[in-house]
């Protein structure tokens, strides 16, 4: 037979396990979200760098030879 104190301990342990599981799920969700945002930012940065290199190779239509800049 269970004593009353053992039942109380079991209920407290069950609640603690539930809180721990909830905390772990929240942490996992935050990590997954952070990885997702990181991938999006890295993809955007790569596209930006590629666009800059393409712009550097684009002919502007101006002849910059023999031009003095200050």
C-alpha atoms as a PDB file:
ATOM      1  CA  UNK A   1       0.000   0.000   0.000  1.00  0.00           C
ATOM      2  CA  UNK A   2       1.063   3.514  -0.725  1.00  0.00           C
ATOM      3  CA  UNK A   3       1.375   5.943   2.041  1.00  0.00           C
ATOM      4  CA  UNK A   4      -0.014   9.417   1.643  1.00  0.00           C
ATOM      5  CA  UNK A   5       3.465  10.939   1.577  1.00  0.00           C
ATOM      6  CA  UNK A   6       4.524   8.600  -1.230  1.00  0.00           C
ATOM      7  CA  UNK A   7       1.534   9.652  -3.352  1.00  0.00           C
ATOM      8  CA  UNK A   8       2.404  13.300  -2.763  1.00  0.00           C
ATOM      9  CA  UNK A   9       5.996  12.646  -3.771  1.00  0.00           C
ATOM     10  CA  UNK A  10       4.878  10.821  -6.913  1.00  0.00           C
ATOM     11  CA  UNK A  11       2.591  13.714  -7.891  1.00  0.00           C
ATOM     12  CA  UNK A  12       5.375  16.238  -7.274  1.00  0.00           C
ATOM     13  CA  UNK A  13       7.810  14.175  -9.364  1.00  0.00           C
ATOM     14  CA  UNK A  14       5.246  13.909 -12.160  1.00  0.00           C
ATOM     15  CA  UNK A  15       4.750  17.682 -12.188  1.00  0.00           C
ATOM     16  CA  UNK A  16       8.496  18.270 -12.167  1.00  0.00           C
ATOM     17  CA  UNK A  17       8.937  15.877 -15.093  1.00  0.00           C
ATOM     18  CA  UNK A  18       6.169  17.646 -17.002  1.00  0.00           C
ATOM     19  CA  UNK A  19       7.790  21.055 -16.371  1.00  0.00           C
ATOM     20  CA  UNK A  20      11.159  19.695 -17.454  1.00  0.00           C
ATOM     21  CA  UNK A  21       9.696  18.237 -20.647  1.00  0.00           C
ATOM     22  CA  UNK A  22       8.006  21.557 -21.419  1.00  0.00           C
ATOM     23  CA  UNK A  23      11.249  23.456 -20.863  1.00  0.00           C
ATOM     24  CA  UNK A  24      13.175  21.056 -23.115  1.00  0.00           C
ATOM     25  CA  UNK A  25      10.592  21.434 -25.893  1.00  0.00           C
ATOM     26  CA  UNK A  26      10.791  25.231 -25.618  1.00  0.00           C
ATOM     27  CA  UNK A  27      14.591  25.148 -25.798  1.00  0.00           C
ATOM     28  CA  UNK A  28      14.449  22.810 -28.796  1.00  0.00           C
ATOM     29  CA  UNK A  29      11.985  25.126 -30.550  1.00  0.00           C
ATOM     30  CA  UNK A  30      14.258  28.115 -29.937  1.00  0.00           C
ATOM     31  CA  UNK A  31      17.297  26.268 -31.297  1.00  0.00           C
ATOM     32  CA  UNK A  32      15.401  25.148 -34.402  1.00  0.00           C
ATOM     33  CA  UNK A  33      14.182  28.705 -34.962  1.00  0.00           C
ATOM     34  CA  UNK A  34      17.664  30.117 -34.557  1.00  0.00           C
ATOM     35  CA  UNK A  35      19.126  27.628 -37.047  1.00  0.00           C
ATOM     36  CA  UNK A  36      16.360  28.494 -39.518  1.00  0.00           C
ATOM     37  CA  UNK A  37      16.992  32.228 -39.225  1.00  0.00           C
ATOM     38  CA  UNK A  38      20.740  31.655 -39.568  1.00  0.00           C
ATOM     39  CA  UNK A  39      20.241  29.717 -42.805  1.00  0.00           C
ATOM     40  CA  UNK A  40      18.023  32.465 -44.196  1.00  0.00           C
ATOM     41  CA  UNK A  41      20.570  35.160 -43.315  1.00  0.00           C
ATOM     42  CA  UNK A  42      23.477  33.186 -44.786  1.00  0.00           C
ATOM     43  CA  UNK A  43      21.544  32.593 -47.993  1.00  0.00           C
ATOM     44  CA  UNK A  44      20.722  36.298 -48.247  1.00  0.00           C
ATOM     45  CA  UNK A  45      24.349  37.264 -47.616  1.00  0.00           C
ATOM     46  CA  UNK A  46      25.537  34.858 -50.321  1.00  0.00           C
ATOM     47  CA  UNK A  47      23.073  36.275 -52.830  1.00  0.00           C
ATOM     48  CA  UNK A  48      24.147  39.811 -51.914  1.00  0.00           C
ATOM     49  CA  UNK A  49      27.844  39.018 -52.451  1.00  0.00           C
ATOM     50  CA  UNK A  50      27.078  37.335 -55.766  1.00  0.00           C
ATOM     51  CA  UNK A  51      25.120  40.404 -56.878  1.00  0.00           C
ATOM     52  CA  UNK A  52      28.017  42.681 -55.919  1.00  0.00           C
ATOM     53  CA  UNK A  53      30.473  40.633 -57.987  1.00  0.00           C
ATOM     54  CA  UNK A  54      28.096  40.728 -60.950  1.00  0.00           C
ATOM     55  CA  UNK A  55      27.799  44.510 -60.614  1.00  0.00           C
ATOM     56  CA  UNK A  56      31.576  44.907 -60.572  1.00  0.00           C
ATOM     57  CA  UNK A  57      31.770  43.149 -63.935  1.00  0.00           C
ATOM     58  CA  UNK A  58      28.934  45.176 -65.499  1.00  0.00           C
ATOM     59  CA  UNK A  59      29.806  47.686 -68.186  1.00  0.00           C
ATOM     60  CA  UNK A  60      28.485  51.114 -67.105  1.00  0.00           C
ATOM     61  CA  UNK A  61      28.808  52.659 -70.571  1.00  0.00           C
ATOM     62  CA  UNK A  62      31.316  55.247 -69.368  1.00  0.00           C
ATOM     63  CA  UNK A  63      34.963  55.369 -70.402  1.00  0.00           C
ATOM     64  CA  UNK A  64      36.915  55.924 -67.201  1.00  0.00           C
ATOM     65  CA  UNK A  65      40.312  56.049 -68.887  1.00  0.00           C
ATOM     66  CA  UNK A  66      42.248  59.311 -68.515  1.00  0.00           C
ATOM     67  CA  UNK A  67      39.784  60.648 -65.924  1.00  0.00           C
ATOM     68  CA  UNK A  68      41.169  62.516 -62.931  1.00  0.00           C
ATOM     69  CA  UNK A  69      39.318  61.984 -59.641  1.00  0.00           C
ATOM     70  CA  UNK A  70      39.829  63.910 -56.444  1.00  0.00           C
END
